[in-house]
Protein backbone atom coordinates (compact mmCIF):
# COMPACT_ATOMS: atom_id res chain seq x y z
CA UNK A 1 -49.13 15.87 -49.29
CA UNK A 2 -47.81 12.35 -49.80
CA UNK A 3 -47.55 10.17 -46.76
CA UNK A 4 -44.82 7.58 -47.00
CA UNK A 5 -44.98 4.51 -44.82
CA UNK A 6 -41.66 3.23 -43.56
CA UNK A 7 -41.08 -0.31 -42.44
CA UNK A 8 -38.14 -1.12 -40.17
CA UNK A 9 -36.57 -4.29 -41.41
CA UNK A 10 -34.41 -6.68 -39.33
CA UNK A 11 -31.89 -9.15 -40.58
CA UNK A 12 -32.02 -12.02 -38.08
CA UNK A 13 -29.25 -14.60 -37.80
CA UNK A 14 -30.39 -18.23 -37.84
CA UNK A 15 -31.01 -19.65 -34.40
CA UNK A 16 -30.86 -16.22 -32.62
CA UNK A 17 -33.72 -13.99 -31.53
CA UNK A 18 -31.79 -10.74 -32.03
CA UNK A 19 -31.05 -9.33 -35.41
CA UNK A 20 -29.13 -6.47 -37.12
CA UNK A 21 -31.16 -3.52 -38.34
CA UNK A 22 -30.40 -2.70 -41.91
CA UNK A 23 -32.17 0.45 -42.95
CA UNK A 24 -35.55 2.05 -43.47
CA UNK A 25 -36.71 0.99 -46.93
CA UNK A 26 -39.20 3.20 -48.77
CA UNK A 27 -41.31 2.38 -51.71
CA UNK A 28 -40.03 5.48 -53.39
CA UNK A 29 -36.45 4.18 -53.53
CA UNK A 30 -35.77 2.51 -56.92
CA UNK A 31 -34.24 -1.00 -56.79
CA UNK A 32 -31.32 -0.04 -59.01
CA UNK A 33 -30.10 2.40 -56.30
CA UNK A 34 -29.33 -0.44 -53.92
CA UNK A 35 -26.29 -2.80 -54.18
CA UNK A 36 -26.78 -6.35 -55.37
CA UNK A 37 -25.81 -7.73 -51.93
CA UNK A 38 -28.47 -5.63 -50.24
CA UNK A 39 -31.09 -6.76 -52.74
CA UNK A 40 -30.15 -10.43 -52.18
CA UNK A 41 -30.46 -9.96 -48.42
CA UNK A 42 -33.87 -8.22 -48.75
CA UNK A 43 -35.24 -11.01 -50.98
CA UNK A 44 -34.23 -13.80 -48.56
CA UNK A 45 -36.69 -15.31 -46.13
CA UNK A 46 -34.43 -14.37 -43.14
CA UNK A 47 -35.81 -10.84 -43.33
CA UNK A 48 -38.83 -10.17 -41.29
CA UNK A 49 -40.86 -6.99 -40.28
CA UNK A 50 -40.72 -5.87 -36.72
CA UNK A 51 -44.13 -5.73 -35.02
CA UNK A 52 -45.26 -2.50 -33.47
CA UNK A 53 -47.15 -1.67 -30.25
CA UNK A 54 -50.14 -0.21 -32.09
CA UNK A 55 -48.85 3.41 -31.90
CA UNK A 56 -45.85 2.80 -34.09
CA UNK A 57 -43.34 3.81 -31.38
CA UNK A 58 -41.80 0.45 -30.41
CA UNK A 59 -38.52 -0.47 -31.99
CA UNK A 60 -37.78 -3.61 -29.88
CA UNK A 61 -38.83 -7.04 -31.30
CA UNK A 62 -41.49 -8.88 -29.24
CA UNK A 63 -40.41 -12.01 -27.40
CA UNK A 64 -36.73 -11.18 -27.67
CA UNK A 65 -34.55 -11.36 -24.62
CA UNK A 66 -31.18 -9.57 -24.37
CA UNK A 67 -27.94 -11.48 -24.79
CA UNK A 68 -26.63 -10.52 -21.37
CA UNK A 69 -28.55 -10.64 -18.20
CA UNK A 70 -29.12 -7.16 -16.67
CA UNK A 71 -27.57 -6.84 -13.21
CA UNK A 72 -26.45 -3.90 -11.10
CA UNK A 73 -22.84 -3.24 -10.19
CA UNK A 74 -21.49 -5.13 -7.17
CA UNK A 75 -20.60 -2.44 -4.56
CA UNK A 76 -18.53 -4.84 -2.53
CA UNK A 77 -15.74 -5.17 -5.12
CA UNK A 78 -13.07 -4.25 -6.02
CA UNK A 79 -10.07 -2.18 -4.76
CA UNK A 80 -6.78 -1.32 -6.45
CA UNK A 81 -3.69 -3.54 -5.70
CA UNK A 82 -0.60 -1.92 -4.37
CA UNK A 83 1.56 -4.33 -6.34
CA UNK A 84 1.67 -7.55 -8.24
CA UNK A 85 0.48 -10.79 -6.81
CA UNK A 86 2.23 -11.67 -3.56
CA UNK A 87 4.80 -8.87 -3.63
CA UNK A 88 4.24 -7.81 -0.01
CA UNK A 89 5.71 -9.73 2.92
CA UNK A 90 3.43 -10.62 5.87
CA UNK A 91 4.96 -10.69 9.38
CA UNK A 92 3.45 -10.70 12.85
CA UNK A 93 3.93 -8.85 16.12
CA UNK A 94 2.26 -9.07 19.54
CA UNK A 95 2.50 -7.84 23.17
CA UNK A 96 5.33 -8.84 25.40
CA UNK A 97 4.03 -10.28 28.72
CA UNK A 98 6.21 -9.99 31.86
CA UNK A 99 4.53 -13.04 33.40
CA UNK A 100 6.18 -15.32 30.86
CA UNK A 101 9.61 -14.44 32.27
CA UNK A 102 8.79 -14.35 36.05
CA UNK A 103 11.31 -17.08 36.92
CA UNK A 104 14.28 -15.18 35.45
CA UNK A 105 16.40 -12.66 37.43
CA UNK A 106 15.30 -9.02 37.41
CA UNK A 107 18.31 -6.99 36.47
CA UNK A 108 17.40 -4.37 33.73
CA UNK A 109 15.77 -1.01 34.54
CA UNK A 110 13.70 0.91 32.09
CA UNK A 111 12.74 4.63 32.40
CA UNK A 112 10.29 7.17 31.09
CA UNK A 113 11.42 10.09 28.92
CA UNK A 114 11.34 12.30 31.98
CA UNK A 115 13.84 10.06 33.78
CA UNK A 116 11.52 8.39 36.19
CA UNK A 117 12.13 4.62 36.62
CA UNK A 118 9.25 2.25 35.62
CA UNK A 119 10.90 -0.77 37.27
CA UNK A 120 13.44 -3.57 37.07
CA UNK A 121 12.67 -6.48 34.71
CA UNK A 122 14.17 -9.67 33.29
CA UNK A 123 16.64 -9.30 30.47
CA UNK A 124 14.63 -11.50 28.05
CA UNK A 125 11.47 -9.56 28.68
CA UNK A 126 13.23 -6.23 27.98
CA UNK A 127 14.57 -7.73 24.76
CA UNK A 128 11.16 -8.76 23.63
CA UNK A 129 9.69 -5.43 24.71
CA UNK A 130 12.14 -3.52 22.54
CA UNK A 131 11.28 -5.80 19.63
CA UNK A 132 7.50 -5.61 19.88
CA UNK A 133 7.11 -2.05 21.18
CA UNK A 134 4.32 -2.73 23.83
CA UNK A 135 4.12 -4.91 26.85
CA UNK A 136 1.95 -5.93 29.80
CA UNK A 137 3.50 -5.95 33.27
CA UNK A 138 2.62 -8.37 36.06
CA UNK A 139 0.71 -5.62 37.95
CA UNK A 140 -1.55 -4.94 34.91
CA UNK A 141 0.08 -1.82 33.57
CA UNK A 142 0.46 -1.49 29.83
CA UNK A 143 3.64 0.25 28.68
CA UNK A 144 4.49 1.41 25.18
CA UNK A 145 7.52 2.61 23.25
CA UNK A 146 8.22 6.33 23.67
CA UNK A 147 11.34 7.02 21.74
CA UNK A 148 15.09 7.02 22.50
CA UNK A 149 16.53 8.67 25.51
CA UNK A 150 19.68 8.84 27.62
CA UNK A 151 18.43 6.65 30.51
CA UNK A 152 18.84 2.94 31.12
CA UNK A 153 19.00 0.91 27.92
CA UNK A 154 18.56 3.99 25.70
CA UNK A 155 14.88 3.28 24.93
CA UNK A 156 12.15 4.92 27.06
CA UNK A 157 8.58 3.84 27.57
CA UNK A 158 5.28 5.35 28.77
CA UNK A 159 2.37 3.97 30.73
CA UNK A 160 -0.95 3.87 28.71
CA UNK A 161 -4.45 4.38 29.78
CA UNK A 162 -6.25 1.01 29.37
CA UNK A 163 -9.50 2.72 28.50
CA UNK A 164 -8.17 4.54 25.46
CA UNK A 165 -5.35 2.17 24.42
CA UNK A 166 -6.13 -1.32 25.80
CA UNK A 167 -3.67 -3.09 23.45
CA UNK A 168 -1.03 -0.46 22.81
CA UNK A 169 -0.61 2.73 20.87
CA UNK A 170 0.45 3.05 17.27
CA UNK A 171 1.31 5.98 15.00
CA UNK A 172 -0.64 9.28 15.33
CA UNK A 173 -1.97 8.14 18.80
CA UNK A 174 -3.99 5.35 17.20
CA UNK A 175 -5.24 2.54 19.35
CA UNK A 176 -4.16 -0.92 18.27
CA UNK A 177 -6.78 -3.57 17.65
CA UNK A 178 -5.91 -7.29 17.43
CA UNK A 179 -6.40 -8.86 13.99
CA UNK A 180 -7.21 -5.38 12.51
CA UNK A 181 -4.10 -3.21 13.02
CA UNK A 182 -1.00 -3.63 10.87
CA UNK A 183 2.34 -1.79 10.92
CA UNK A 184 3.43 -0.39 7.53
CA UNK A 185 6.08 1.82 6.03
CA UNK A 186 4.22 5.21 5.76
CA UNK A 187 6.23 6.14 2.70
CA UNK A 188 4.39 3.32 0.87
CA UNK A 189 1.12 2.99 2.71
CA UNK A 190 -0.27 6.13 4.53
CA UNK A 191 -1.35 5.63 8.10
CA UNK A 192 -5.06 5.20 8.51
CA UNK A 193 -5.52 3.45 5.18
CA UNK A 194 -7.89 0.43 5.13
CA UNK A 195 -6.34 -2.46 3.36
CA UNK A 196 -7.98 -5.59 1.97
CA UNK A 197 -5.86 -8.75 2.12
CA UNK A 198 -7.59 -11.57 0.11
CA UNK A 199 -5.17 -14.08 1.70
CA UNK A 200 -6.68 -13.40 5.13
CA UNK A 201 -10.31 -13.76 4.09
CA UNK A 202 -12.03 -16.71 5.64
CA UNK A 203 -9.17 -17.40 8.07
CA UNK A 204 -10.39 -18.78 11.33
CA UNK A 205 -9.66 -16.63 14.38
CA UNK A 206 -9.05 -17.86 17.96
CA UNK A 207 -12.54 -16.79 19.07
CA UNK A 208 -14.12 -18.98 16.40
CA UNK A 209 -15.11 -16.17 13.98
CA UNK A 210 -13.74 -15.72 10.44
CA UNK A 211 -11.64 -12.89 9.22
CA UNK A 212 -13.08 -10.72 6.38
CA UNK A 213 -9.68 -9.73 5.01
CA UNK A 214 -9.94 -6.00 6.10
CA UNK A 215 -7.08 -4.41 8.15
CA UNK A 216 -6.03 -0.86 8.80
CA UNK A 217 -2.57 0.78 8.81
CA UNK A 218 -2.32 1.91 12.42
CA UNK A 219 1.39 1.52 13.31
CA UNK A 220 4.92 1.89 12.05
CA UNK A 221 8.16 0.15 12.99
CA UNK A 222 11.84 0.68 12.70
CA UNK A 223 12.21 -2.63 10.92
CA UNK A 224 9.25 -2.21 8.55
CA UNK A 225 10.62 -1.19 5.24
CA UNK A 226 8.99 -0.90 1.86
CA UNK A 227 6.74 -3.79 0.88
CA UNK A 228 6.17 -5.29 4.35
CA UNK A 229 3.04 -5.52 6.46
CA UNK A 230 3.32 -6.46 10.19
CA UNK A 231 0.02 -7.96 11.45
CA UNK A 232 -0.87 -7.38 15.11
CA UNK A 233 -2.18 -10.60 16.71
CA UNK A 234 -1.93 -9.64 20.47
CA UNK A 235 -0.12 -12.75 21.74
CA UNK A 236 2.38 -15.37 20.66
CA UNK A 237 -0.23 -18.17 21.05
CA UNK A 238 -2.48 -16.35 18.53
CA UNK A 239 0.43 -16.16 16.12
CA UNK A 240 0.97 -19.91 16.28
CA UNK A 241 -2.82 -20.44 15.77
CA UNK A 242 -2.83 -18.37 12.62
CA UNK A 243 0.43 -19.61 11.23
CA UNK A 244 -0.92 -23.16 11.07
CA UNK A 245 -3.67 -22.06 8.73
CA UNK A 246 -1.44 -20.03 6.43
CA UNK A 247 1.08 -22.86 6.03
CA UNK A 248 4.04 -20.50 6.31
CA UNK A 249 2.81 -18.54 3.31
CA UNK A 250 3.98 -14.99 4.06
CA UNK A 251 3.11 -13.26 0.76
CA UNK A 252 0.03 -11.03 0.44
CA UNK A 253 -1.49 -8.62 -2.07
CA UNK A 254 -2.95 -5.60 -0.33
CA UNK A 255 -5.66 -3.61 -1.98
CA UNK A 256 -6.71 0.00 -1.31
CA UNK A 257 -10.09 1.81 -1.87
CA UNK A 258 -11.91 -1.47 -1.16
CA UNK A 259 -15.62 -0.66 -0.52
CA UNK A 260 -16.05 -3.59 1.87
CA UNK A 261 -13.36 -2.19 4.16
CA UNK A 262 -14.69 1.38 4.35
CA UNK A 263 -16.12 0.77 7.83
CA UNK A 264 -12.57 0.90 9.27
CA UNK A 265 -12.37 4.63 8.57
CA UNK A 266 -13.48 5.92 12.01
CA UNK A 267 -10.40 7.98 13.00
CA UNK A 268 -10.04 11.80 12.57
CA UNK A 269 -10.76 12.51 8.84
CA UNK A 270 -8.36 15.55 8.90
CA UNK A 271 -5.49 13.39 10.19
CA UNK A 272 -6.26 10.69 7.58
CA UNK A 273 -6.21 13.27 4.76
CA UNK A 274 -2.81 14.64 5.96
CA UNK A 275 -1.43 11.19 6.17
CA UNK A 276 -2.57 10.28 2.69
CA UNK A 277 -0.72 13.33 1.24
CA UNK A 278 2.55 11.48 0.80
CA UNK A 279 5.38 12.47 -1.43
CA UNK A 280 5.73 10.05 -4.35
CA UNK A 281 9.29 11.07 -4.99
CA UNK A 282 10.23 9.93 -1.44
CA UNK A 283 8.86 6.47 -2.34
CA UNK A 284 10.63 5.94 -5.63
CA UNK A 285 14.25 6.51 -4.50
CA UNK A 286 17.27 4.60 -5.62
CA UNK A 287 20.71 4.51 -4.17
CA UNK A 288 23.48 5.70 -6.35
CA UNK A 289 26.23 3.24 -7.04
CA UNK A 290 29.52 3.87 -5.27
CA UNK A 291 32.09 5.90 -7.33
CA UNK A 292 34.66 3.87 -9.21
CA UNK A 293 38.24 4.24 -7.89
CA UNK A 294 40.60 6.16 -10.08
CA UNK A 295 42.62 3.95 -12.45
CA UNK A 296 46.35 5.07 -12.67
CA UNK A 297 49.45 3.13 -13.63
CA UNK A 298 52.76 3.33 -11.82
CA UNK A 299 55.14 6.05 -12.81
CA UNK A 300 52.52 7.75 -15.00
CA UNK A 301 50.35 10.59 -13.89
CA UNK A 302 47.22 11.59 -15.63
CA UNK A 303 47.22 14.93 -17.47
CA UNK A 304 44.50 16.24 -15.19
CA UNK A 305 46.68 15.62 -12.17
CA UNK A 306 49.65 17.30 -13.87
CA UNK A 307 47.57 20.25 -14.77
CA UNK A 308 46.31 20.65 -11.17
CA UNK A 309 49.86 20.44 -9.88
CA UNK A 310 51.15 22.99 -12.38
CA UNK A 311 48.26 25.18 -11.55
CA UNK A 312 49.04 25.07 -7.84
CA UNK A 313 52.61 26.08 -8.61
CA UNK A 314 51.46 29.02 -10.63
CA UNK A 315 49.18 30.01 -7.81
CA UNK A 316 51.87 29.91 -5.16
CA UNK A 317 54.26 31.82 -7.50
CA UNK A 318 51.72 34.56 -8.18
CA UNK A 319 50.85 34.70 -4.48
CA UNK A 320 54.48 35.30 -3.58
CA UNK A 321 54.72 38.28 -5.95
CA UNK A 322 51.47 39.75 -4.77
CA UNK A 323 52.44 39.72 -1.11
CA UNK A 324 55.74 41.53 -1.98
CA UNK A 325 58.09 39.51 0.17
CA UNK A 326 55.64 38.62 2.92
CA UNK A 327 56.74 35.72 5.05
CA UNK A 328 55.05 32.42 4.45
CA UNK A 329 53.36 31.05 7.63
CA UNK A 330 54.91 27.85 8.98
CA UNK A 331 52.81 24.74 9.64
CA UNK A 332 55.03 23.66 12.51
CA UNK A 333 54.16 24.61 15.98
CA UNK A 334 56.61 26.82 17.76
CA UNK A 335 58.22 25.32 20.84
């Protein structure tokens, strides 16, 4: 039995530790069987033999480092953007406080859905309450939007439990959280979806901390349509504090499935799954253009209209024969 020793050859580029493996060259292969280019490469001094580890199992050159540093995948990045850069509009909403309008006359009553009066309040406070959806009364009660009804101003409200909903109630009975909750269009962003807004990361909050850019879709609104995100900031003073840092830049790029925002998923998983099962056809809808008015010149009727008119005459003529002299009902009312 003939034992053939193979040597693994490596063609190394000048100035680099790595090389390109050519082939396993045996002494039994005649030189005429190899191309001239391969023979010239084998005869050059750039070709060297790879050392082994003693057992002949190592194929990696010694003292050779990889071209790229080995590193694990960063689990904190990255999500999937819901649109192009800056295609979503950022707005703000907060609680309406009755104490800010205490010097104005109390003349508007609001009711519950059952028809019970909640109280009489200033007109400006009621206007802001209808705009924001939630408000704090002077006696400490927290009231929230409860739909339309036939009492008072046509919009009814309910009193919330401050233990379960200290800052208001959003969609699907979710509790609003300042600087975390946002109102969205549920046709575009399902309720309960954690969103990552890079534009909010590092923003200084009124309590001195920094925002990490993570928010959650907890609320909806009648004026929230398509690519719009309404940021809940609890008070008008907080809105002015944040607006100075954003320099009136109201364009954001929300990202979904962001690993760093997964901690915001603490609601009912079943409700979240049902909310995420949205109909894509309801999102991509387009209004049809209005129909064009018919173009007709004076004194000239289209053949289609003439055909319809002649057809109507034929119908009435045939109807008269079929009824065999039956009287035609009159459209005039009898005196």
